[in-house]
C-alpha atoms as a PDB file:
ATOM      1  CA  UNK A   1     160.532 114.049  59.499  1.00  0.00           C
ATOM      2  CA  UNK A   2     161.797 112.980  62.935  1.00  0.00           C
ATOM      3  CA  UNK A   3     161.833 114.886  66.150  1.00  0.00           C
ATOM      4  CA  UNK A   4     165.266 115.006  67.854  1.00  0.00           C
ATOM      5  CA  UNK A   5     166.830 116.534  70.899  1.00  0.00           C
ATOM      6  CA  UNK A   6     170.380 117.920  70.686  1.00  0.00           C
ATOM      7  CA  UNK A   7     172.146 118.651  73.976  1.00  0.00           C
ATOM      8  CA  UNK A   8     175.728 119.866  74.626  1.00  0.00           C
ATOM      9  CA  UNK A   9     177.625 120.325  77.887  1.00  0.00           C
ATOM     10  CA  UNK A  10     180.981 121.549  79.318  1.00  0.00           C
ATOM     11  CA  UNK A  11     182.143 123.510  76.232  1.00  0.00           C
ATOM     12  CA  UNK A  12     183.196 126.717  78.014  1.00  0.00           C
ATOM     13  CA  UNK A  13     185.311 128.218  80.669  1.00  0.00           C
ATOM     14  CA  UNK A  14     184.863 131.376  82.776  1.00  0.00           C
ATOM     15  CA  UNK A  15     186.549 133.531  80.076  1.00  0.00           C
ATOM     16  CA  UNK A  16     184.857 132.092  76.930  1.00  0.00           C
ATOM     17  CA  UNK A  17     181.550 132.512  75.436  1.00  0.00           C
ATOM     18  CA  UNK A  18     178.904 130.163  76.964  1.00  0.00           C
ATOM     19  CA  UNK A  19     177.627 126.816  75.978  1.00  0.00           C
ATOM     20  CA  UNK A  20     174.292 128.363  75.148  1.00  0.00           C
ATOM     21  CA  UNK A  21     175.918 130.433  72.357  1.00  0.00           C
ATOM     22  CA  UNK A  22     177.357 127.289  70.785  1.00  0.00           C
ATOM     23  CA  UNK A  23     173.945 125.442  71.060  1.00  0.00           C
ATOM     24  CA  UNK A  24     172.278 128.424  69.396  1.00  0.00           C
ATOM     25  CA  UNK A  25     174.876 128.344  66.487  1.00  0.00           C
ATOM     26  CA  UNK A  26     174.262 124.597  66.064  1.00  0.00           C
ATOM     27  CA  UNK A  27     170.624 125.075  65.869  1.00  0.00           C
ATOM     28  CA  UNK A  28     171.009 127.927  63.316  1.00  0.00           C
ATOM     29  CA  UNK A  29     173.438 126.004  61.213  1.00  0.00           C
ATOM     30  CA  UNK A  30     170.962 123.035  61.034  1.00  0.00           C
ATOM     31  CA  UNK A  31     168.475 125.386  59.511  1.00  0.00           C
ATOM     32  CA  UNK A  32     170.990 127.119  57.207  1.00  0.00           C
ATOM     33  CA  UNK A  33     171.953 123.704  55.754  1.00  0.00           C
ATOM     34  CA  UNK A  34     168.294 122.773  54.998  1.00  0.00           C
ATOM     35  CA  UNK A  35     168.422 119.898  57.417  1.00  0.00           C
ATOM     36  CA  UNK A  36     165.276 120.813  59.259  1.00  0.00           C
ATOM     37  CA  UNK A  37     163.729 123.327  61.730  1.00  0.00           C
ATOM     38  CA  UNK A  38     164.951 123.990  65.230  1.00  0.00           C
ATOM     39  CA  UNK A  39     163.391 125.330  68.290  1.00  0.00           C
ATOM     40  CA  UNK A  40     164.356 127.332  71.379  1.00  0.00           C
ATOM     41  CA  UNK A  41     167.372 126.458  73.395  1.00  0.00           C
ATOM     42  CA  UNK A  42     166.987 125.702  77.178  1.00  0.00           C
ATOM     43  CA  UNK A  43     169.454 125.846  80.049  1.00  0.00           C
ATOM     44  CA  UNK A  44     169.384 122.964  82.483  1.00  0.00           C
ATOM     45  CA  UNK A  45     171.185 123.300  85.848  1.00  0.00           C
ATOM     46  CA  UNK A  46     173.046 120.316  87.047  1.00  0.00           C
ATOM     47  CA  UNK A  47     174.466 119.510  90.551  1.00  0.00           C
ATOM     48  CA  UNK A  48     177.107 121.723  91.820  1.00  0.00           C
ATOM     49  CA  UNK A  49     179.369 119.698  93.964  1.00  0.00           C
ATOM     50  CA  UNK A  50     183.172 119.336  94.745  1.00  0.00           C
ATOM     51  CA  UNK A  51     183.229 115.908  93.117  1.00  0.00           C
ATOM     52  CA  UNK A  52     181.593 117.091  89.842  1.00  0.00           C
ATOM     53  CA  UNK A  53     184.207 118.682  87.564  1.00  0.00           C
ATOM     54  CA  UNK A  54     182.852 121.516  85.520  1.00  0.00           C
ATOM     55  CA  UNK A  55     184.458 124.675  83.964  1.00  0.00           C
ATOM     56  CA  UNK A  56     181.829 127.346  84.755  1.00  0.00           C
ATOM     57  CA  UNK A  57     178.323 126.873  86.126  1.00  0.00           C
ATOM     58  CA  UNK A  58     177.658 123.117  85.275  1.00  0.00           C
ATOM     59  CA  UNK A  59     174.645 123.669  83.089  1.00  0.00           C
ATOM     60  CA  UNK A  60     173.897 121.958  79.807  1.00  0.00           C
ATOM     61  CA  UNK A  61     172.070 123.437  76.797  1.00  0.00           C
ATOM     62  CA  UNK A  62     169.425 121.509  74.784  1.00  0.00           C
ATOM     63  CA  UNK A  63     167.311 122.332  71.720  1.00  0.00           C
ATOM     64  CA  UNK A  64     164.573 120.369  69.819  1.00  0.00           C
ATOM     65  CA  UNK A  65     164.525 119.996  66.060  1.00  0.00           C
ATOM     66  CA  UNK A  66     162.569 118.342  63.208  1.00  0.00           C
ATOM     67  CA  UNK A  67     164.832 116.796  60.634  1.00  0.00           C
ATOM     68  CA  UNK A  68     164.738 114.350  57.878  1.00  0.00           C
ATOM     69  CA  UNK A  69     166.271 111.029  58.871  1.00  0.00           C
ATOM     70  CA  UNK A  70     168.801 111.306  56.018  1.00  0.00           C
ATOM     71  CA  UNK A  71     170.347 114.329  57.880  1.00  0.00           C
ATOM     72  CA  UNK A  72     170.662 112.649  61.213  1.00  0.00           C
ATOM     73  CA  UNK A  73     174.220 111.348  60.774  1.00  0.00           C
ATOM     74  CA  UNK A  74     175.462 114.562  58.977  1.00  0.00           C
ATOM     75  CA  UNK A  75     174.116 116.559  61.931  1.00  0.00           C
ATOM     76  CA  UNK A  76     175.890 114.326  64.487  1.00  0.00           C
ATOM     77  CA  UNK A  77     179.141 114.476  62.405  1.00  0.00           C
ATOM     78  CA  UNK A  78     178.976 118.289  62.070  1.00  0.00           C
ATOM     79  CA  UNK A  79     178.094 118.811  65.750  1.00  0.00           C
ATOM     80  CA  UNK A  80     180.953 116.810  66.874  1.00  0.00           C
ATOM     81  CA  UNK A  81     183.477 118.576  64.599  1.00  0.00           C
ATOM     82  CA  UNK A  82     182.018 121.881  65.612  1.00  0.00           C
ATOM     83  CA  UNK A  83     182.435 121.200  69.356  1.00  0.00           C
ATOM     84  CA  UNK A  84     186.104 120.058  68.848  1.00  0.00           C
ATOM     85  CA  UNK A  85     186.713 123.270  66.918  1.00  0.00           C
ATOM     86  CA  UNK A  86     184.748 125.805  69.019  1.00  0.00           C
ATOM     87  CA  UNK A  87     184.919 124.518  72.625  1.00  0.00           C
ATOM     88  CA  UNK A  88     187.071 126.551  75.056  1.00  0.00           C
ATOM     89  CA  UNK A  89     190.469 125.464  76.272  1.00  0.00           C
ATOM     90  CA  UNK A  90     190.284 123.270  79.440  1.00  0.00           C
ATOM     91  CA  UNK A  91     186.617 122.279  78.625  1.00  0.00           C
ATOM     92  CA  UNK A  92     185.412 118.580  78.409  1.00  0.00           C
ATOM     93  CA  UNK A  93     182.575 118.806  75.819  1.00  0.00           C
ATOM     94  CA  UNK A  94     180.021 116.116  75.362  1.00  0.00           C
ATOM     95  CA  UNK A  95     177.239 115.734  72.795  1.00  0.00           C
ATOM     96  CA  UNK A  96     173.894 113.925  72.917  1.00  0.00           C
ATOM     97  CA  UNK A  97     171.586 113.480  70.051  1.00  0.00           C
ATOM     98  CA  UNK A  98     168.322 111.619  70.674  1.00  0.00           C
ATOM     99  CA  UNK A  99     165.610 110.562  68.221  1.00  0.00           C
ATOM    100  CA  UNK A 100     162.555 110.638  70.411  1.00  0.00           C
ATOM    101  CA  UNK A 101     160.445 108.214  68.479  1.00  0.00           C
ATOM    102  CA  UNK A 102     163.286 105.561  68.727  1.00  0.00           C
ATOM    103  CA  UNK A 103     163.861 106.021  72.350  1.00  0.00           C
ATOM    104  CA  UNK A 104     163.423 102.664  74.139  1.00  0.00           C
ATOM    105  CA  UNK A 105     162.706 103.880  77.697  1.00  0.00           C
ATOM    106  CA  UNK A 106     161.893 107.556  77.889  1.00  0.00           C
ATOM    107  CA  UNK A 107     161.337 107.428  81.561  1.00  0.00           C
ATOM    108  CA  UNK A 108     164.907 106.146  82.219  1.00  0.00           C
ATOM    109  CA  UNK A 109     166.158 109.269  80.334  1.00  0.00           C
ATOM    110  CA  UNK A 110     164.127 111.605  82.406  1.00  0.00           C
ATOM    111  CA  UNK A 111     165.206 109.751  85.574  1.00  0.00           C
ATOM    112  CA  UNK A 112     168.896 110.162  84.651  1.00  0.00           C
ATOM    113  CA  UNK A 113     168.390 113.896  84.108  1.00  0.00           C
ATOM    114  CA  UNK A 114     166.678 114.371  87.463  1.00  0.00           C
ATOM    115  CA  UNK A 115     169.432 112.319  89.181  1.00  0.00           C
ATOM    116  CA  UNK A 116     172.159 114.637  87.706  1.00  0.00           C
ATOM    117  CA  UNK A 117     170.629 117.512  89.711  1.00  0.00           C
ATOM    118  CA  UNK A 118     170.975 115.666  92.981  1.00  0.00           C
ATOM    119  CA  UNK A 119     173.815 113.131  92.949  1.00  0.00           C
ATOM    120  CA  UNK A 120     177.266 112.721  91.379  1.00  0.00           C
ATOM    121  CA  UNK A 121     177.129 110.609  88.170  1.00  0.00           C
ATOM    122  CA  UNK A 122     180.000 109.437  85.995  1.00  0.00           C
ATOM    123  CA  UNK A 123     180.820 108.830  82.339  1.00  0.00           C
ATOM    124  CA  UNK A 124     180.369 105.105  82.513  1.00  0.00           C
ATOM    125  CA  UNK A 125     176.907 105.592  83.858  1.00  0.00           C
ATOM    126  CA  UNK A 126     176.057 107.828  80.945  1.00  0.00           C
ATOM    127  CA  UNK A 127     177.524 105.611  78.256  1.00  0.00           C
ATOM    128  CA  UNK A 128     175.724 102.484  79.713  1.00  0.00           C
ATOM    129  CA  UNK A 129     172.419 104.224  79.624  1.00  0.00           C
ATOM    130  CA  UNK A 130     172.901 105.713  76.229  1.00  0.00           C
ATOM    131  CA  UNK A 131     173.812 102.290  74.824  1.00  0.00           C
ATOM    132  CA  UNK A 132     170.678 100.739  76.482  1.00  0.00           C
ATOM    133  CA  UNK A 133     168.401 103.363  75.169  1.00  0.00           C
ATOM    134  CA  UNK A 134     169.933 103.694  71.621  1.00  0.00           C
ATOM    135  CA  UNK A 135     170.899 107.295  71.682  1.00  0.00           C
ATOM    136  CA  UNK A 136     174.034 109.006  70.392  1.00  0.00           C
ATOM    137  CA  UNK A 137     176.485 110.105  73.087  1.00  0.00           C
ATOM    138  CA  UNK A 138     180.070 111.184  72.323  1.00  0.00           C
ATOM    139  CA  UNK A 139     182.884 113.246  73.873  1.00  0.00           C
ATOM    140  CA  UNK A 140     184.835 115.830  71.946  1.00  0.00           C
ATOM    141  CA  UNK A 141     187.830 116.938  74.012  1.00  0.00           C
ATOM    142  CA  UNK A 142     189.376 117.013  77.310  1.00  0.00           C
ATOM    143  CA  UNK A 143     188.124 114.339  79.721  1.00  0.00           C
ATOM    144  CA  UNK A 144     184.853 114.139  77.858  1.00  0.00           C
ATOM    145  CA  UNK A 145     183.062 114.461  81.178  1.00  0.00           C
ATOM    146  CA  UNK A 146     180.459 116.600  79.496  1.00  0.00           C
ATOM    147  CA  UNK A 147     178.724 113.501  78.199  1.00  0.00           C
ATOM    148  CA  UNK A 148     177.044 113.231  81.607  1.00  0.00           C
ATOM    149  CA  UNK A 149     175.503 116.654  81.296  1.00  0.00           C
ATOM    150  CA  UNK A 150     174.601 116.222  77.724  1.00  0.00           C
ATOM    151  CA  UNK A 151     172.688 113.104  78.403  1.00  0.00           C
ATOM    152  CA  UNK A 152     171.079 114.534  81.581  1.00  0.00           C
ATOM    153  CA  UNK A 153     170.032 117.715  79.688  1.00  0.00           C
ATOM    154  CA  UNK A 154     168.078 115.594  77.175  1.00  0.00           C
ATOM    155  CA  UNK A 155     166.227 113.911  79.957  1.00  0.00           C
ATOM    156  CA  UNK A 156     165.495 117.226  81.707  1.00  0.00           C
ATOM    157  CA  UNK A 157     164.097 118.736  78.483  1.00  0.00           C
ATOM    158  CA  UNK A 158     162.058 115.633  77.916  1.00  0.00           C
ATOM    159  CA  UNK A 159     160.465 116.042  81.382  1.00  0.00           C
ATOM    160  CA  UNK A 160     158.860 119.246  80.362  1.00  0.00           C
ATOM    161  CA  UNK A 161     159.391 120.704  83.760  1.00  0.00           C
ATOM    162  CA  UNK A 162     163.038 121.962  83.752  1.00  0.00           C
ATOM    163  CA  UNK A 163     164.941 124.592  81.939  1.00  0.00           C
ATOM    164  CA  UNK A 164     165.043 128.301  81.311  1.00  0.00           C
ATOM    165  CA  UNK A 165     164.945 129.470  77.797  1.00  0.00           C
ATOM    166  CA  UNK A 166     168.203 131.085  76.529  1.00  0.00           C
ATOM    167  CA  UNK A 167     167.999 134.818  76.082  1.00  0.00           C
ATOM    168  CA  UNK A 168     165.434 137.422  77.131  1.00  0.00           C
ATOM    169  CA  UNK A 169     161.864 138.141  76.082  1.00  0.00           C
ATOM    170  CA  UNK A 170     161.450 141.389  74.235  1.00  0.00           C
ATOM    171  CA  UNK A 171     158.102 142.726  75.500  1.00  0.00           C
ATOM    172  CA  UNK A 172     156.782 146.131  74.522  1.00  0.00           C
ATOM    173  CA  UNK A 173     155.201 147.785  77.523  1.00  0.00           C
ATOM    174  CA  UNK A 174     153.329 150.965  78.512  1.00  0.00           C
ATOM    175  CA  UNK A 175     155.396 152.404  81.286  1.00  0.00           C
ATOM    176  CA  UNK A 176     156.619 149.085  82.305  1.00  0.00           C
ATOM    177  CA  UNK A 177     153.180 147.344  82.225  1.00  0.00           C
ATOM    178  CA  UNK A 178     151.628 144.942  79.791  1.00  0.00           C
ATOM    179  CA  UNK A 179     148.447 142.824  79.728  1.00  0.00           C
ATOM    180  CA  UNK A 180     148.852 139.026  79.346  1.00  0.00           C
ATOM    181  CA  UNK A 181     147.177 139.130  75.969  1.00  0.00           C
ATOM    182  CA  UNK A 182     149.750 141.666  74.776  1.00  0.00           C
ATOM    183  CA  UNK A 183     152.552 139.667  76.081  1.00  0.00           C
ATOM    184  CA  UNK A 184     151.295 136.544  74.196  1.00  0.00           C
ATOM    185  CA  UNK A 185     150.693 138.441  71.009  1.00  0.00           C
ATOM    186  CA  UNK A 186     154.351 139.478  71.039  1.00  0.00           C
ATOM    187  CA  UNK A 187     155.819 135.989  71.659  1.00  0.00           C
ATOM    188  CA  UNK A 188     155.512 132.255  71.211  1.00  0.00           C
ATOM    189  CA  UNK A 189     154.806 131.746  74.910  1.00  0.00           C
ATOM    190  CA  UNK A 190     152.032 129.323  75.972  1.00  0.00           C
ATOM    191  CA  UNK A 191     150.956 131.594  78.775  1.00  0.00           C
ATOM    192  CA  UNK A 192     151.693 133.684  81.784  1.00  0.00           C
ATOM    193  CA  UNK A 193     151.785 131.642  85.023  1.00  0.00           C
ATOM    194  CA  UNK A 194     152.136 132.264  88.664  1.00  0.00           C
ATOM    195  CA  UNK A 195     154.759 130.481  90.729  1.00  0.00           C
ATOM    196  CA  UNK A 196     151.813 128.520  92.368  1.00  0.00           C
ATOM    197  CA  UNK A 197     150.798 127.222  89.011  1.00  0.00           C
ATOM    198  CA  UNK A 198     147.823 129.459  88.137  1.00  0.00           C
ATOM    199  CA  UNK A 199     147.681 130.458  84.386  1.00  0.00           C
ATOM    200  CA  UNK A 200     146.501 134.110  84.222  1.00  0.00           C
ATOM    201  CA  UNK A 201     143.845 135.475  81.978  1.00  0.00           C
ATOM    202  CA  UNK A 202     144.446 137.769  79.043  1.00  0.00           C
ATOM    203  CA  UNK A 203     143.266 140.977  80.977  1.00  0.00           C
ATOM    204  CA  UNK A 204     145.606 140.619  83.930  1.00  0.00           C
ATOM    205  CA  UNK A 205     148.212 143.395  84.034  1.00  0.00           C
ATOM    206  CA  UNK A 206     151.862 142.523  84.663  1.00  0.00           C
ATOM    207  CA  UNK A 207     154.704 144.715  85.771  1.00  0.00           C
ATOM    208  CA  UNK A 208     157.587 143.738  83.405  1.00  0.00           C
ATOM    209  CA  UNK A 209     161.041 143.919  84.929  1.00  0.00           C
ATOM    210  CA  UNK A 210     164.308 144.147  82.947  1.00  0.00           C
ATOM    211  CA  UNK A 211     165.246 141.080  80.886  1.00  0.00           C
ATOM    212  CA  UNK A 212     162.436 138.754  81.590  1.00  0.00           C
ATOM    213  CA  UNK A 213     162.967 135.048  81.131  1.00  0.00           C
ATOM    214  CA  UNK A 214     160.670 132.265  80.115  1.00  0.00           C
ATOM    215  CA  UNK A 215     160.869 128.703  81.637  1.00  0.00           C
ATOM    216  CA  UNK A 216     159.630 125.282  80.647  1.00  0.00           C
ATOM    217  CA  UNK A 217     156.750 123.947  82.696  1.00  0.00           C
ATOM    218  CA  UNK A 218     154.296 121.193  81.937  1.00  0.00           C
ATOM    219  CA  UNK A 219     155.816 120.948  78.403  1.00  0.00           C
ATOM    220  CA  UNK A 220     155.038 124.635  77.535  1.00  0.00           C
ATOM    221  CA  UNK A 221     156.998 127.875  77.740  1.00  0.00           C
ATOM    222  CA  UNK A 222     155.810 130.338  80.228  1.00  0.00           C
ATOM    223  CA  UNK A 223     156.493 133.829  81.695  1.00  0.00           C
ATOM    224  CA  UNK A 224     156.492 133.352  85.385  1.00  0.00           C
ATOM    225  CA  UNK A 225     155.031 136.008  87.729  1.00  0.00           C
ATOM    226  CA  UNK A 226     154.819 136.745  91.453  1.00  0.00           C
ATOM    227  CA  UNK A 227     152.392 138.695  93.445  1.00  0.00           C
ATOM    228  CA  UNK A 228     153.097 142.272  94.267  1.00  0.00           C
ATOM    229  CA  UNK A 229     151.317 144.856  96.537  1.00  0.00           C
ATOM    230  CA  UNK A 230     151.002 147.904  94.319  1.00  0.00           C
ATOM    231  CA  UNK A 231     148.969 151.102  95.123  1.00  0.00           C
ATOM    232  CA  UNK A 232     148.084 151.337  91.406  1.00  0.00           C
ATOM    233  CA  UNK A 233     146.289 148.039  91.479  1.00  0.00           C
ATOM    234  CA  UNK A 234     148.765 145.961  89.608  1.00  0.00           C
ATOM    235  CA  UNK A 235     148.737 142.432  91.192  1.00  0.00           C
ATOM    236  CA  UNK A 236     151.645 140.768  89.353  1.00  0.00           C
ATOM    237  CA  UNK A 237     155.285 141.314  88.458  1.00  0.00           C
ATOM    238  CA  UNK A 238     157.755 139.144  86.517  1.00  0.00           C
ATOM    239  CA  UNK A 239     159.466 136.738  88.875  1.00  0.00           C
ATOM    240  CA  UNK A 240     163.071 137.758  89.702  1.00  0.00           C
ATOM    241  CA  UNK A 241     165.909 135.560  88.142  1.00  0.00           C
ATOM    242  CA  UNK A 242     167.024 134.347  91.592  1.00  0.00           C
ATOM    243  CA  UNK A 243     163.597 132.713  92.044  1.00  0.00           C
ATOM    244  CA  UNK A 244     163.729 131.117  88.684  1.00  0.00           C
ATOM    245  CA  UNK A 245     166.682 128.975  89.654  1.00  0.00           C
ATOM    246  CA  UNK A 246     164.247 126.259  90.773  1.00  0.00           C
ATOM    247  CA  UNK A 247     163.669 125.610  87.037  1.00  0.00           C
END
Protein backbone atom coordinates (compact mmCIF):
# COMPACT_ATOMS: atom_id res chain seq x y z
CA UNK A 1 0.00 0.00 0.00
CA UNK A 2 1.10 3.57 -0.69
CA UNK A 3 0.03 6.77 1.01
CA UNK A 4 -1.21 9.52 -1.30
CA UNK A 5 -2.65 12.99 -1.05
CA UNK A 6 -5.37 14.06 -3.48
CA UNK A 7 -6.22 17.74 -3.81
CA UNK A 8 -8.65 19.60 -6.06
CA UNK A 9 -9.25 23.30 -6.54
CA UNK A 10 -11.50 25.74 -8.40
CA UNK A 11 -14.35 23.38 -9.22
CA UNK A 12 -17.27 25.54 -8.10
CA UNK A 13 -18.99 28.89 -8.46
CA UNK A 14 -21.13 30.90 -6.06
CA UNK A 15 -24.28 29.01 -7.04
CA UNK A 16 -22.94 25.44 -7.22
CA UNK A 17 -22.09 22.89 -4.57
CA UNK A 18 -18.63 23.39 -3.13
CA UNK A 19 -15.28 21.86 -3.96
CA UNK A 20 -15.42 20.10 -0.61
CA UNK A 21 -18.44 18.09 -1.74
CA UNK A 22 -16.59 16.91 -4.82
CA UNK A 23 -13.52 15.97 -2.78
CA UNK A 24 -15.73 13.98 -0.41
CA UNK A 25 -17.35 12.13 -3.29
CA UNK A 26 -13.96 11.29 -4.77
CA UNK A 27 -12.79 9.93 -1.44
CA UNK A 28 -15.96 7.86 -1.09
CA UNK A 29 -15.71 6.53 -4.66
CA UNK A 30 -12.14 5.42 -4.02
CA UNK A 31 -13.41 3.21 -1.21
CA UNK A 32 -16.48 1.99 -3.10
CA UNK A 33 -14.26 0.73 -5.90
CA UNK A 34 -12.04 -1.13 -3.45
CA UNK A 35 -8.97 0.93 -4.34
CA UNK A 36 -8.07 1.73 -0.76
CA UNK A 37 -9.09 3.67 2.33
CA UNK A 38 -9.48 7.44 2.50
CA UNK A 39 -9.28 9.88 5.39
CA UNK A 40 -10.87 13.20 6.24
CA UNK A 41 -11.03 16.15 3.84
CA UNK A 42 -9.39 19.45 4.80
CA UNK A 43 -10.03 22.95 3.47
CA UNK A 44 -6.99 25.14 2.79
CA UNK A 45 -7.46 28.87 2.36
CA UNK A 46 -5.26 30.49 -0.30
CA UNK A 47 -4.49 34.12 -1.06
CA UNK A 48 -7.46 36.33 -1.88
CA UNK A 49 -6.12 39.01 -4.21
CA UNK A 50 -7.37 40.91 -7.30
CA UNK A 51 -4.68 39.24 -9.41
CA UNK A 52 -5.73 35.73 -8.35
CA UNK A 53 -8.66 34.36 -10.39
CA UNK A 54 -11.08 32.23 -8.39
CA UNK A 55 -14.76 31.41 -8.57
CA UNK A 56 -15.89 31.50 -4.93
CA UNK A 57 -13.54 31.61 -1.91
CA UNK A 58 -10.14 30.48 -3.28
CA UNK A 59 -9.73 27.44 -1.10
CA UNK A 60 -8.58 23.97 -2.10
CA UNK A 61 -9.73 20.64 -0.64
CA UNK A 62 -7.40 17.75 0.14
CA UNK A 63 -7.68 14.20 1.47
CA UNK A 64 -5.25 11.42 2.30
CA UNK A 65 -5.67 7.82 1.21
CA UNK A 66 -3.88 4.48 1.33
CA UNK A 67 -4.11 2.62 -1.97
CA UNK A 68 -2.41 -0.23 -3.77
CA UNK A 69 0.04 1.01 -6.39
CA UNK A 70 -1.90 -0.73 -9.17
CA UNK A 71 -4.86 1.59 -8.55
CA UNK A 72 -2.91 4.86 -8.74
CA UNK A 73 -3.44 5.48 -12.45
CA UNK A 74 -7.09 4.37 -12.43
CA UNK A 75 -7.70 6.83 -9.59
CA UNK A 76 -6.00 9.65 -11.48
CA UNK A 77 -7.98 8.86 -14.62
CA UNK A 78 -11.27 8.66 -12.76
CA UNK A 79 -10.63 11.87 -10.79
CA UNK A 80 -9.86 13.80 -13.97
CA UNK A 81 -12.99 12.55 -15.72
CA UNK A 82 -15.05 13.27 -12.60
CA UNK A 83 -13.84 16.88 -12.40
CA UNK A 84 -14.56 17.46 -16.09
CA UNK A 85 -18.07 16.09 -15.59
CA UNK A 86 -19.00 17.57 -12.22
CA UNK A 87 -17.22 20.93 -11.99
CA UNK A 88 -19.41 24.02 -12.24
CA UNK A 89 -19.72 26.27 -15.26
CA UNK A 90 -17.04 28.95 -15.30
CA UNK A 91 -14.71 27.06 -12.98
CA UNK A 92 -11.07 26.22 -13.74
CA UNK A 93 -10.53 22.86 -12.00
CA UNK A 94 -7.14 21.44 -11.14
CA UNK A 95 -6.08 18.06 -9.75
CA UNK A 96 -2.96 17.05 -7.84
CA UNK A 97 -2.18 13.48 -6.77
CA UNK A 98 1.00 12.96 -4.78
CA UNK A 99 2.59 9.69 -3.69
CA UNK A 100 4.28 10.75 -0.47
CA UNK A 101 6.99 8.08 -0.44
CA UNK A 102 8.06 9.08 -3.96
CA UNK A 103 8.17 12.81 -3.32
CA UNK A 104 11.64 14.08 -4.15
CA UNK A 105 11.68 17.26 -2.02
CA UNK A 106 8.82 17.42 0.49
CA UNK A 107 10.01 20.74 1.86
CA UNK A 108 9.65 22.35 -1.58
CA UNK A 109 6.00 21.25 -1.76
CA UNK A 110 5.30 22.67 1.70
CA UNK A 111 7.04 25.93 0.77
CA UNK A 112 4.89 26.26 -2.36
CA UNK A 113 1.75 25.78 -0.29
CA UNK A 114 2.75 28.44 2.19
CA UNK A 115 3.67 30.84 -0.60
CA UNK A 116 0.19 30.41 -2.13
CA UNK A 117 -1.26 31.96 1.01
CA UNK A 118 0.90 35.06 0.68
CA UNK A 119 1.86 35.82 -2.94
CA UNK A 120 0.41 35.46 -6.43
CA UNK A 121 1.59 32.26 -8.15
CA UNK A 122 0.89 31.07 -11.68
CA UNK A 123 0.31 27.83 -13.57
CA UNK A 124 3.82 27.62 -14.97
CA UNK A 125 5.31 27.78 -11.48
CA UNK A 126 3.01 24.96 -10.42
CA UNK A 127 3.77 22.76 -13.43
CA UNK A 128 7.53 23.35 -13.11
CA UNK A 129 7.52 22.30 -9.47
CA UNK A 130 5.26 19.30 -10.09
CA UNK A 131 7.59 18.06 -12.83
CA UNK A 132 10.62 18.54 -10.59
CA UNK A 133 9.04 16.68 -7.69
CA UNK A 134 7.43 13.92 -9.74
CA UNK A 135 3.80 14.49 -8.77
CA UNK A 136 0.68 14.35 -10.93
CA UNK A 137 -0.79 17.76 -11.76
CA UNK A 138 -3.49 18.29 -14.38
CA UNK A 139 -6.19 20.78 -15.40
CA UNK A 140 -9.73 19.75 -16.29
CA UNK A 141 -11.61 22.70 -17.69
CA UNK A 142 -11.63 26.44 -18.17
CA UNK A 143 -8.23 28.07 -17.82
CA UNK A 144 -7.00 25.27 -15.57
CA UNK A 145 -5.79 27.82 -13.06
CA UNK A 146 -6.91 25.48 -10.30
CA UNK A 147 -3.68 23.52 -10.68
CA UNK A 148 -1.99 26.19 -8.55
CA UNK A 149 -4.35 25.66 -5.63
CA UNK A 150 -4.35 21.89 -6.05
CA UNK A 151 -0.58 21.72 -5.74
CA UNK A 152 -0.58 24.25 -2.91
CA UNK A 153 -3.25 22.33 -1.01
CA UNK A 154 -1.10 19.21 -0.96
CA UNK A 155 1.80 21.22 0.42
CA UNK A 156 -0.36 22.76 3.12
CA UNK A 157 -1.82 19.38 4.14
CA UNK A 158 1.72 17.98 4.28
CA UNK A 159 2.79 20.78 6.61
CA UNK A 160 0.44 19.41 9.26
CA UNK A 161 -0.38 22.93 10.41
CA UNK A 162 -2.98 24.18 7.98
CA UNK A 163 -6.55 23.27 7.20
CA UNK A 164 -9.98 22.94 8.71
CA UNK A 165 -11.74 19.59 8.50
CA UNK A 166 -14.75 19.56 6.20
CA UNK A 167 -18.04 19.25 8.04
CA UNK A 168 -18.96 19.60 11.68
CA UNK A 169 -18.22 17.53 14.75
CA UNK A 170 -21.28 15.79 16.16
CA UNK A 171 -20.72 16.02 19.92
CA UNK A 172 -23.35 14.88 22.41
CA UNK A 173 -23.50 17.27 25.37
CA UNK A 174 -25.20 17.74 28.71
CA UNK A 175 -26.89 21.14 28.41
CA UNK A 176 -24.21 22.27 25.99
CA UNK A 177 -21.29 21.00 28.06
CA UNK A 178 -18.94 18.04 27.56
CA UNK A 179 -15.72 16.84 29.16
CA UNK A 180 -12.66 16.44 26.96
CA UNK A 181 -12.66 12.69 27.54
CA UNK A 182 -16.27 12.47 26.38
CA UNK A 183 -15.47 14.51 23.28
CA UNK A 184 -12.57 12.25 22.35
CA UNK A 185 -14.64 9.11 22.92
CA UNK A 186 -17.16 10.36 20.36
CA UNK A 187 -14.65 11.29 17.67
CA UNK A 188 -11.34 10.50 16.00
CA UNK A 189 -9.77 13.71 17.31
CA UNK A 190 -6.23 13.69 18.66
CA UNK A 191 -7.17 16.11 21.40
CA UNK A 192 -8.74 19.35 22.55
CA UNK A 193 -6.33 22.24 22.36
CA UNK A 194 -6.28 25.91 23.32
CA UNK A 195 -5.41 28.59 20.79
CA UNK A 196 -2.14 29.03 22.73
CA UNK A 197 -1.20 25.42 22.11
CA UNK A 198 -2.06 23.74 25.44
CA UNK A 199 -3.59 20.27 25.12
CA UNK A 200 -6.31 19.94 27.75
CA UNK A 201 -6.78 17.03 30.13
CA UNK A 202 -9.73 14.65 29.94
CA UNK A 203 -11.57 16.18 32.90
CA UNK A 204 -11.72 19.72 31.54
CA UNK A 205 -15.27 20.85 30.75
CA UNK A 206 -15.94 22.55 27.40
CA UNK A 207 -18.93 24.68 26.41
CA UNK A 208 -19.80 23.38 22.93
CA UNK A 209 -21.14 25.94 20.46
CA UNK A 210 -23.23 25.12 17.41
CA UNK A 211 -21.40 23.32 14.58
CA UNK A 212 -17.91 22.93 16.11
CA UNK A 213 -15.06 22.37 13.66
CA UNK A 214 -11.72 20.59 13.96
CA UNK A 215 -8.42 21.85 12.55
CA UNK A 216 -5.11 20.29 11.55
CA UNK A 217 -2.31 21.21 13.98
CA UNK A 218 1.09 19.55 14.45
CA UNK A 219 -0.08 16.72 12.20
CA UNK A 220 -3.14 15.92 14.30
CA UNK A 221 -6.82 16.86 14.32
CA UNK A 222 -7.88 19.02 17.24
CA UNK A 223 -10.94 20.80 18.56
CA UNK A 224 -9.78 24.32 19.36
CA UNK A 225 -11.03 26.13 22.46
CA UNK A 226 -10.77 29.62 23.91
CA UNK A 227 -11.02 30.84 27.51
CA UNK A 228 -14.36 32.01 28.88
CA UNK A 229 -15.30 33.78 32.11
CA UNK A 230 -18.26 31.74 33.31
CA UNK A 231 -19.98 31.97 36.70
CA UNK A 232 -20.60 28.21 36.58
CA UNK A 233 -16.88 27.55 36.58
CA UNK A 234 -16.57 26.49 32.93
CA UNK A 235 -13.20 27.71 31.73
CA UNK A 236 -13.34 26.88 28.01
CA UNK A 237 -15.60 27.18 24.99
CA UNK A 238 -15.16 26.05 21.41
CA UNK A 239 -13.36 28.71 19.39
CA UNK A 240 -15.67 30.69 17.06
CA UNK A 241 -15.35 29.99 13.33
CA UNK A 242 -14.08 33.49 12.61
CA UNK A 243 -11.02 32.89 14.78
CA UNK A 244 -10.33 29.55 13.10
CA UNK A 245 -9.61 31.29 9.80
CA UNK A 246 -5.94 31.45 10.79
CA UNK A 247 -5.88 27.70 10.08
